[in-house]
Amino acid sequence: MNDNSETIRINTAKGEKVGGNFYDAVGGSATFKRLADEFYRGIETDEVLRPMYPEGDLAPAAERLQLFLEQYWGGPTTYQEKRGHPRLRMRHSPYKINPDARDRWLGHMRAALESLELAPLLEAELWSYLERAAHSMLNTFED
């Protein structure tokens, strides 16, 4: 994973510990659930991306995204316990992910992220990761 799982603690003048990791800072599991659910609301009607999800119900895909992001950002390791190593490129390799698919994914993710109304620095950090992840999934430039 990454170093976002490290817990950052700051002592106040009274000696209390405050802070936490990114997962805690954005609101934990509830925030990642809202992000994933909102993202998949957009996917539901997308004519390019929706066919990449063979399941009739997108709830299992939303849960996988939620659990992955929670683990990546310092939350519970439930994703790895259930599914093993993320292997994102391998898991996405059966699908044609061209610039159009990437841009649609990013558009739905941007809308979902904005719906959270996170503090600007937290939103920027999460968005930076999501953009890098989306670009790394490109596997073709064909239509």
N, C-alpha and C. Protein backbone atom coordinates (compact mmCIF):
# COMPACT_ATOMS: atom_id res chain seq x y z
N MET A 1 0.84 -1.17 0.00
CA MET A 1 0.00 0.00 0.00
C MET A 1 0.89 1.24 0.00
N ASN A 2 0.53 2.27 0.71
CA ASN A 2 1.32 3.48 0.72
C ASN A 2 1.50 3.97 2.15
N ASP A 3 2.15 5.12 2.29
CA ASP A 3 2.39 5.61 3.63
C ASP A 3 1.22 6.40 4.19
N ASN A 4 0.09 6.46 3.47
CA ASN A 4 -1.08 7.14 4.00
C ASN A 4 -1.69 6.41 5.18
N SER A 5 -1.30 5.16 5.39
CA SER A 5 -1.86 4.39 6.50
C SER A 5 -1.17 4.73 7.83
N GLU A 6 -0.09 5.49 7.77
CA GLU A 6 0.58 5.86 9.00
C GLU A 6 -0.31 6.80 9.80
N THR A 7 -0.37 6.59 11.06
CA THR A 7 -1.15 7.47 11.91
C THR A 7 -0.29 8.64 12.34
N ILE A 8 -0.83 9.84 12.12
CA ILE A 8 -0.14 11.06 12.52
C ILE A 8 -0.83 11.58 13.76
N ARG A 9 -0.11 11.74 14.82
CA ARG A 9 -0.70 12.23 16.06
C ARG A 9 0.02 13.51 16.47
N ILE A 10 -0.75 14.45 16.92
CA ILE A 10 -0.22 15.72 17.39
C ILE A 10 -0.69 15.90 18.82
N ASN A 11 0.19 16.30 19.69
CA ASN A 11 -0.21 16.57 21.07
C ASN A 11 -0.60 18.03 21.18
N THR A 12 -1.75 18.28 21.77
CA THR A 12 -2.18 19.64 22.03
C THR A 12 -1.41 20.17 23.23
N ALA A 13 -1.63 21.44 23.55
CA ALA A 13 -0.96 22.05 24.70
C ALA A 13 -1.30 21.31 25.99
N LYS A 14 -2.48 20.68 26.02
CA LYS A 14 -2.89 19.93 27.21
C LYS A 14 -2.43 18.48 27.16
N GLY A 15 -1.70 18.10 26.13
CA GLY A 15 -1.18 16.75 26.03
C GLY A 15 -2.13 15.75 25.40
N GLU A 16 -3.31 16.22 24.89
CA GLU A 16 -4.25 15.30 24.25
C GLU A 16 -3.74 14.96 22.85
N LYS A 17 -4.01 13.76 22.44
CA LYS A 17 -3.63 13.35 21.09
C LYS A 17 -4.78 13.65 20.15
N VAL A 18 -4.47 14.31 19.04
CA VAL A 18 -5.46 14.60 18.01
C VAL A 18 -4.85 14.21 16.67
N GLY A 19 -5.66 14.18 15.64
CA GLY A 19 -5.15 13.85 14.32
C GLY A 19 -5.56 12.45 13.95
N GLY A 20 -4.79 11.84 13.13
CA GLY A 20 -5.10 10.51 12.64
C GLY A 20 -4.58 10.37 11.22
N ASN A 21 -5.00 9.33 10.56
CA ASN A 21 -4.56 9.15 9.18
C ASN A 21 -5.60 9.75 8.23
N PHE A 22 -5.38 9.64 6.94
CA PHE A 22 -6.27 10.22 5.96
C PHE A 22 -7.67 9.62 6.08
N TYR A 23 -7.75 8.33 6.25
CA TYR A 23 -9.03 7.64 6.42
C TYR A 23 -9.85 8.30 7.53
N ASP A 24 -9.22 8.52 8.66
CA ASP A 24 -9.90 9.18 9.78
C ASP A 24 -10.25 10.63 9.45
N ALA A 25 -9.31 11.32 8.81
CA ALA A 25 -9.50 12.75 8.54
C ALA A 25 -10.70 13.03 7.64
N VAL A 26 -11.02 12.11 6.72
CA VAL A 26 -12.15 12.35 5.81
C VAL A 26 -13.46 11.82 6.35
N GLY A 27 -13.43 11.12 7.47
CA GLY A 27 -14.67 10.63 8.05
C GLY A 27 -14.84 9.14 8.02
N GLY A 28 -13.79 8.40 7.69
CA GLY A 28 -13.81 6.95 7.77
C GLY A 28 -14.73 6.26 6.79
N SER A 29 -15.22 5.13 7.19
CA SER A 29 -15.99 4.24 6.32
C SER A 29 -17.22 4.91 5.71
N ALA A 30 -17.92 5.71 6.48
CA ALA A 30 -19.14 6.35 5.98
C ALA A 30 -18.83 7.23 4.77
N THR A 31 -17.71 7.93 4.79
CA THR A 31 -17.34 8.81 3.68
C THR A 31 -17.00 7.99 2.44
N PHE A 32 -16.24 6.92 2.61
CA PHE A 32 -15.88 6.11 1.45
C PHE A 32 -17.10 5.37 0.88
N LYS A 33 -18.05 5.02 1.73
CA LYS A 33 -19.29 4.41 1.25
C LYS A 33 -20.07 5.42 0.41
N ARG A 34 -20.20 6.64 0.91
CA ARG A 34 -20.91 7.68 0.14
C ARG A 34 -20.23 7.93 -1.20
N LEU A 35 -18.90 7.97 -1.20
CA LEU A 35 -18.15 8.19 -2.44
C LEU A 35 -18.44 7.08 -3.44
N ALA A 36 -18.33 5.84 -3.00
CA ALA A 36 -18.54 4.70 -3.90
C ALA A 36 -19.99 4.64 -4.38
N ASP A 37 -20.93 4.85 -3.50
CA ASP A 37 -22.34 4.80 -3.90
C ASP A 37 -22.67 5.89 -4.92
N GLU A 38 -22.17 7.09 -4.67
CA GLU A 38 -22.44 8.20 -5.60
C GLU A 38 -21.76 7.95 -6.95
N PHE A 39 -20.55 7.44 -6.91
CA PHE A 39 -19.84 7.11 -8.15
C PHE A 39 -20.64 6.12 -8.98
N TYR A 40 -21.13 5.07 -8.36
CA TYR A 40 -21.85 4.04 -9.11
C TYR A 40 -23.24 4.49 -9.55
N ARG A 41 -23.79 5.52 -8.91
CA ARG A 41 -25.03 6.11 -9.44
C ARG A 41 -24.78 6.69 -10.83
N GLY A 42 -23.62 7.28 -11.01
CA GLY A 42 -23.24 7.81 -12.32
C GLY A 42 -22.96 6.70 -13.32
N ILE A 43 -22.30 5.66 -12.88
CA ILE A 43 -21.96 4.53 -13.76
C ILE A 43 -23.22 3.86 -14.28
N GLU A 44 -24.25 3.79 -13.46
CA GLU A 44 -25.49 3.09 -13.80
C GLU A 44 -26.03 3.49 -15.18
N THR A 45 -25.90 4.74 -15.55
CA THR A 45 -26.48 5.21 -16.82
C THR A 45 -25.42 5.53 -17.89
N ASP A 46 -24.19 5.18 -17.63
CA ASP A 46 -23.12 5.48 -18.60
C ASP A 46 -23.04 4.37 -19.63
N GLU A 47 -23.28 4.70 -20.90
CA GLU A 47 -23.33 3.68 -21.95
C GLU A 47 -21.98 3.05 -22.27
N VAL A 48 -20.89 3.67 -21.89
CA VAL A 48 -19.56 3.11 -22.13
C VAL A 48 -19.10 2.28 -20.93
N LEU A 49 -19.27 2.80 -19.74
CA LEU A 49 -18.74 2.13 -18.55
C LEU A 49 -19.67 1.06 -17.99
N ARG A 50 -20.97 1.25 -18.06
CA ARG A 50 -21.90 0.29 -17.47
C ARG A 50 -21.70 -1.13 -17.98
N PRO A 51 -21.45 -1.33 -19.29
CA PRO A 51 -21.24 -2.70 -19.78
C PRO A 51 -20.00 -3.40 -19.20
N MET A 52 -19.10 -2.65 -18.58
CA MET A 52 -17.92 -3.26 -17.98
C MET A 52 -18.24 -3.97 -16.67
N TYR A 53 -19.46 -3.79 -16.19
CA TYR A 53 -19.90 -4.40 -14.94
C TYR A 53 -20.98 -5.42 -15.28
N PRO A 54 -20.62 -6.69 -15.41
CA PRO A 54 -21.59 -7.70 -15.83
C PRO A 54 -22.68 -7.99 -14.80
N GLU A 55 -22.44 -7.62 -13.55
CA GLU A 55 -23.45 -7.85 -12.52
C GLU A 55 -24.65 -6.94 -12.78
N GLY A 56 -25.84 -7.45 -12.60
CA GLY A 56 -27.03 -6.62 -12.73
C GLY A 56 -27.08 -5.55 -11.67
N ASP A 57 -26.62 -5.89 -10.48
CA ASP A 57 -26.63 -4.99 -9.34
C ASP A 57 -25.22 -4.43 -9.16
N LEU A 58 -25.09 -3.12 -9.10
CA LEU A 58 -23.77 -2.52 -8.94
C LEU A 58 -23.33 -2.43 -7.47
N ALA A 59 -24.18 -2.84 -6.54
CA ALA A 59 -23.82 -2.76 -5.12
C ALA A 59 -22.54 -3.53 -4.78
N PRO A 60 -22.32 -4.75 -5.33
CA PRO A 60 -21.06 -5.43 -5.01
C PRO A 60 -19.83 -4.67 -5.53
N ALA A 61 -19.95 -4.05 -6.69
CA ALA A 61 -18.83 -3.26 -7.21
C ALA A 61 -18.59 -2.04 -6.33
N ALA A 62 -19.66 -1.40 -5.88
CA ALA A 62 -19.52 -0.25 -4.98
C ALA A 62 -18.83 -0.66 -3.68
N GLU A 63 -19.20 -1.82 -3.15
CA GLU A 63 -18.57 -2.29 -1.92
C GLU A 63 -17.08 -2.57 -2.14
N ARG A 64 -16.73 -3.17 -3.28
CA ARG A 64 -15.31 -3.44 -3.56
C ARG A 64 -14.53 -2.14 -3.63
N LEU A 65 -15.07 -1.14 -4.32
CA LEU A 65 -14.39 0.16 -4.42
C LEU A 65 -14.24 0.78 -3.03
N GLN A 66 -15.31 0.77 -2.27
CA GLN A 66 -15.28 1.32 -0.92
C GLN A 66 -14.18 0.65 -0.09
N LEU A 67 -14.18 -0.67 -0.07
CA LEU A 67 -13.21 -1.40 0.75
C LEU A 67 -11.78 -1.16 0.28
N PHE A 68 -11.59 -1.10 -1.04
CA PHE A 68 -10.25 -0.83 -1.56
C PHE A 68 -9.76 0.54 -1.10
N LEU A 69 -10.61 1.57 -1.30
CA LEU A 69 -10.20 2.92 -0.93
C LEU A 69 -9.99 3.05 0.58
N GLU A 70 -10.83 2.40 1.36
CA GLU A 70 -10.64 2.44 2.81
C GLU A 70 -9.27 1.88 3.18
N GLN A 71 -8.92 0.74 2.62
CA GLN A 71 -7.63 0.13 2.95
C GLN A 71 -6.48 0.99 2.45
N TYR A 72 -6.59 1.49 1.24
CA TYR A 72 -5.52 2.31 0.67
C TYR A 72 -5.22 3.52 1.54
N TRP A 73 -6.28 4.13 2.07
CA TRP A 73 -6.13 5.37 2.82
C TRP A 73 -6.00 5.16 4.33
N GLY A 74 -5.72 3.94 4.78
CA GLY A 74 -5.38 3.73 6.18
C GLY A 74 -6.48 3.15 7.04
N GLY A 75 -7.56 2.69 6.41
CA GLY A 75 -8.65 2.08 7.16
C GLY A 75 -8.46 0.58 7.32
N PRO A 76 -9.53 -0.12 7.58
CA PRO A 76 -9.45 -1.58 7.78
C PRO A 76 -8.90 -2.30 6.55
N THR A 77 -8.34 -3.45 6.77
CA THR A 77 -7.75 -4.24 5.68
C THR A 77 -8.73 -5.28 5.13
N THR A 78 -10.00 -4.98 5.22
CA THR A 78 -11.05 -5.90 4.79
C THR A 78 -10.92 -6.27 3.32
N TYR A 79 -10.54 -5.31 2.47
CA TYR A 79 -10.40 -5.60 1.04
C TYR A 79 -9.42 -6.75 0.84
N GLN A 80 -8.24 -6.62 1.41
CA GLN A 80 -7.22 -7.65 1.23
C GLN A 80 -7.64 -8.98 1.85
N GLU A 81 -8.32 -8.93 2.96
CA GLU A 81 -8.78 -10.16 3.61
C GLU A 81 -9.80 -10.90 2.73
N LYS A 82 -10.64 -10.16 2.03
CA LYS A 82 -11.67 -10.76 1.18
C LYS A 82 -11.17 -11.11 -0.22
N ARG A 83 -10.31 -10.25 -0.78
CA ARG A 83 -9.98 -10.38 -2.21
C ARG A 83 -8.50 -10.55 -2.50
N GLY A 84 -7.66 -10.47 -1.50
CA GLY A 84 -6.23 -10.57 -1.74
C GLY A 84 -5.66 -9.24 -2.20
N HIS A 85 -4.46 -9.30 -2.75
CA HIS A 85 -3.78 -8.10 -3.21
C HIS A 85 -4.63 -7.41 -4.28
N PRO A 86 -4.69 -6.08 -4.27
CA PRO A 86 -5.55 -5.39 -5.23
C PRO A 86 -5.25 -5.66 -6.70
N ARG A 87 -4.00 -5.73 -7.10
CA ARG A 87 -3.63 -6.00 -8.51
C ARG A 87 -4.56 -5.26 -9.48
N LEU A 88 -4.63 -3.95 -9.33
CA LEU A 88 -5.59 -3.16 -10.10
C LEU A 88 -5.46 -3.33 -11.61
N ARG A 89 -4.25 -3.23 -12.13
CA ARG A 89 -4.09 -3.36 -13.59
C ARG A 89 -4.54 -4.74 -14.07
N MET A 90 -4.18 -5.78 -13.35
CA MET A 90 -4.58 -7.13 -13.74
C MET A 90 -6.10 -7.29 -13.69
N ARG A 91 -6.73 -6.80 -12.64
CA ARG A 91 -8.18 -6.93 -12.50
C ARG A 91 -8.93 -6.16 -13.58
N HIS A 92 -8.33 -5.09 -14.09
CA HIS A 92 -8.99 -4.28 -15.11
C HIS A 92 -8.57 -4.65 -16.53
N SER A 93 -7.60 -5.52 -16.68
CA SER A 93 -7.08 -5.84 -18.02
C SER A 93 -8.11 -6.45 -18.98
N PRO A 94 -9.13 -7.15 -18.53
CA PRO A 94 -10.11 -7.68 -19.49
C PRO A 94 -10.96 -6.61 -20.17
N TYR A 95 -10.92 -5.39 -19.65
CA TYR A 95 -11.79 -4.33 -20.16
C TYR A 95 -11.00 -3.35 -21.01
N LYS A 96 -11.64 -2.84 -22.05
CA LYS A 96 -11.02 -1.85 -22.92
C LYS A 96 -11.10 -0.50 -22.21
N ILE A 97 -9.98 -0.07 -21.69
CA ILE A 97 -9.93 1.22 -21.00
C ILE A 97 -9.10 2.17 -21.86
N ASN A 98 -9.83 2.93 -22.66
CA ASN A 98 -9.21 3.91 -23.54
C ASN A 98 -9.38 5.31 -22.93
N PRO A 99 -8.86 6.35 -23.58
CA PRO A 99 -9.01 7.69 -22.99
C PRO A 99 -10.47 8.09 -22.73
N ASP A 100 -11.40 7.70 -23.59
CA ASP A 100 -12.80 8.03 -23.37
C ASP A 100 -13.31 7.37 -22.09
N ALA A 101 -13.03 6.08 -21.91
CA ALA A 101 -13.47 5.38 -20.70
C ALA A 101 -12.83 5.99 -19.46
N ARG A 102 -11.55 6.30 -19.55
CA ARG A 102 -10.85 6.94 -18.42
C ARG A 102 -11.50 8.28 -18.06
N ASP A 103 -11.76 9.09 -19.09
CA ASP A 103 -12.34 10.41 -18.84
C ASP A 103 -13.75 10.32 -18.27
N ARG A 104 -14.52 9.34 -18.73
CA ARG A 104 -15.86 9.14 -18.18
C ARG A 104 -15.76 8.72 -16.71
N TRP A 105 -14.85 7.80 -16.42
CA TRP A 105 -14.63 7.35 -15.05
C TRP A 105 -14.28 8.54 -14.17
N LEU A 106 -13.35 9.35 -14.65
CA LEU A 106 -12.94 10.52 -13.88
C LEU A 106 -14.09 11.50 -13.70
N GLY A 107 -14.92 11.67 -14.71
CA GLY A 107 -16.07 12.57 -14.58
C GLY A 107 -17.04 12.13 -13.50
N HIS A 108 -17.35 10.84 -13.49
CA HIS A 108 -18.24 10.31 -12.44
C HIS A 108 -17.58 10.39 -11.07
N MET A 109 -16.28 10.13 -11.02
CA MET A 109 -15.58 10.18 -9.74
C MET A 109 -15.48 11.62 -9.24
N ARG A 110 -15.26 12.55 -10.16
CA ARG A 110 -15.19 13.97 -9.76
C ARG A 110 -16.51 14.41 -9.13
N ALA A 111 -17.62 14.06 -9.78
CA ALA A 111 -18.94 14.42 -9.25
C ALA A 111 -19.16 13.77 -7.87
N ALA A 112 -18.77 12.52 -7.74
CA ALA A 112 -18.93 11.82 -6.46
C ALA A 112 -18.08 12.49 -5.39
N LEU A 113 -16.86 12.81 -5.73
CA LEU A 113 -15.96 13.44 -4.77
C LEU A 113 -16.49 14.80 -4.34
N GLU A 114 -16.96 15.60 -5.29
CA GLU A 114 -17.49 16.92 -4.95
C GLU A 114 -18.71 16.82 -4.05
N SER A 115 -19.48 15.74 -4.19
CA SER A 115 -20.67 15.58 -3.36
C SER A 115 -20.33 15.40 -1.88
N LEU A 116 -19.09 15.01 -1.60
CA LEU A 116 -18.67 14.80 -0.21
C LEU A 116 -18.41 16.11 0.53
N GLU A 117 -18.10 17.15 -0.21
CA GLU A 117 -17.79 18.46 0.38
C GLU A 117 -16.69 18.36 1.43
N LEU A 118 -15.60 17.71 1.05
CA LEU A 118 -14.44 17.59 1.94
C LEU A 118 -13.70 18.92 2.03
N ALA A 119 -12.87 19.05 3.03
CA ALA A 119 -11.98 20.20 3.11
C ALA A 119 -11.11 20.21 1.86
N PRO A 120 -10.81 21.39 1.33
CA PRO A 120 -10.08 21.48 0.05
C PRO A 120 -8.78 20.67 -0.02
N LEU A 121 -7.99 20.68 1.03
CA LEU A 121 -6.72 19.93 0.98
C LEU A 121 -6.96 18.43 0.94
N LEU A 122 -7.96 17.97 1.67
CA LEU A 122 -8.28 16.54 1.65
C LEU A 122 -8.82 16.14 0.29
N GLU A 123 -9.70 16.96 -0.25
CA GLU A 123 -10.24 16.68 -1.58
C GLU A 123 -9.12 16.63 -2.62
N ALA A 124 -8.21 17.58 -2.56
CA ALA A 124 -7.10 17.63 -3.52
C ALA A 124 -6.23 16.39 -3.42
N GLU A 125 -5.96 15.94 -2.21
CA GLU A 125 -5.12 14.75 -2.04
C GLU A 125 -5.81 13.51 -2.60
N LEU A 126 -7.08 13.35 -2.30
CA LEU A 126 -7.82 12.20 -2.82
C LEU A 126 -7.94 12.28 -4.34
N TRP A 127 -8.24 13.44 -4.87
CA TRP A 127 -8.38 13.60 -6.32
C TRP A 127 -7.06 13.31 -7.03
N SER A 128 -5.96 13.74 -6.47
CA SER A 128 -4.66 13.48 -7.08
C SER A 128 -4.43 11.98 -7.23
N TYR A 129 -4.75 11.22 -6.19
CA TYR A 129 -4.61 9.76 -6.28
C TYR A 129 -5.55 9.19 -7.34
N LEU A 130 -6.80 9.61 -7.33
CA LEU A 130 -7.79 9.07 -8.27
C LEU A 130 -7.40 9.34 -9.71
N GLU A 131 -6.87 10.53 -9.98
CA GLU A 131 -6.40 10.84 -11.33
C GLU A 131 -5.24 9.93 -11.74
N ARG A 132 -4.27 9.77 -10.86
CA ARG A 132 -3.13 8.89 -11.17
C ARG A 132 -3.60 7.47 -11.41
N ALA A 133 -4.51 6.99 -10.57
CA ALA A 133 -5.03 5.62 -10.72
C ALA A 133 -5.73 5.47 -12.06
N ALA A 134 -6.56 6.43 -12.42
CA ALA A 134 -7.30 6.35 -13.69
C ALA A 134 -6.35 6.34 -14.88
N HIS A 135 -5.34 7.16 -14.85
CA HIS A 135 -4.38 7.19 -15.96
C HIS A 135 -3.59 5.88 -16.04
N SER A 136 -3.32 5.28 -14.91
CA SER A 136 -2.53 4.04 -14.92
C SER A 136 -3.34 2.84 -15.44
N MET A 137 -4.65 2.96 -15.48
CA MET A 137 -5.49 1.86 -15.97
C MET A 137 -5.64 1.83 -17.49
N LEU A 138 -5.22 2.90 -18.18
CA LEU A 138 -5.29 2.91 -19.64
C LEU A 138 -4.59 1.68 -20.20
N ASN A 139 -5.28 0.98 -21.09
CA ASN A 139 -4.65 -0.19 -21.71
C ASN A 139 -4.83 -0.24 -23.22
N THR A 140 -5.45 0.80 -23.79
CA THR A 140 -5.57 0.91 -25.24
C THR A 140 -5.90 2.34 -25.62
N PHE A 141 -5.55 2.68 -26.87
CA PHE A 141 -5.93 3.99 -27.40
C PHE A 141 -6.93 3.82 -28.54
N GLU A 142 -7.41 2.58 -28.71
CA GLU A 142 -8.42 2.30 -29.73
C GLU A 142 -9.80 2.64 -29.22
N ASP A 143 -10.68 2.99 -30.16
CA ASP A 143 -12.07 3.29 -29.77
C ASP A 143 -12.85 2.07 -29.44
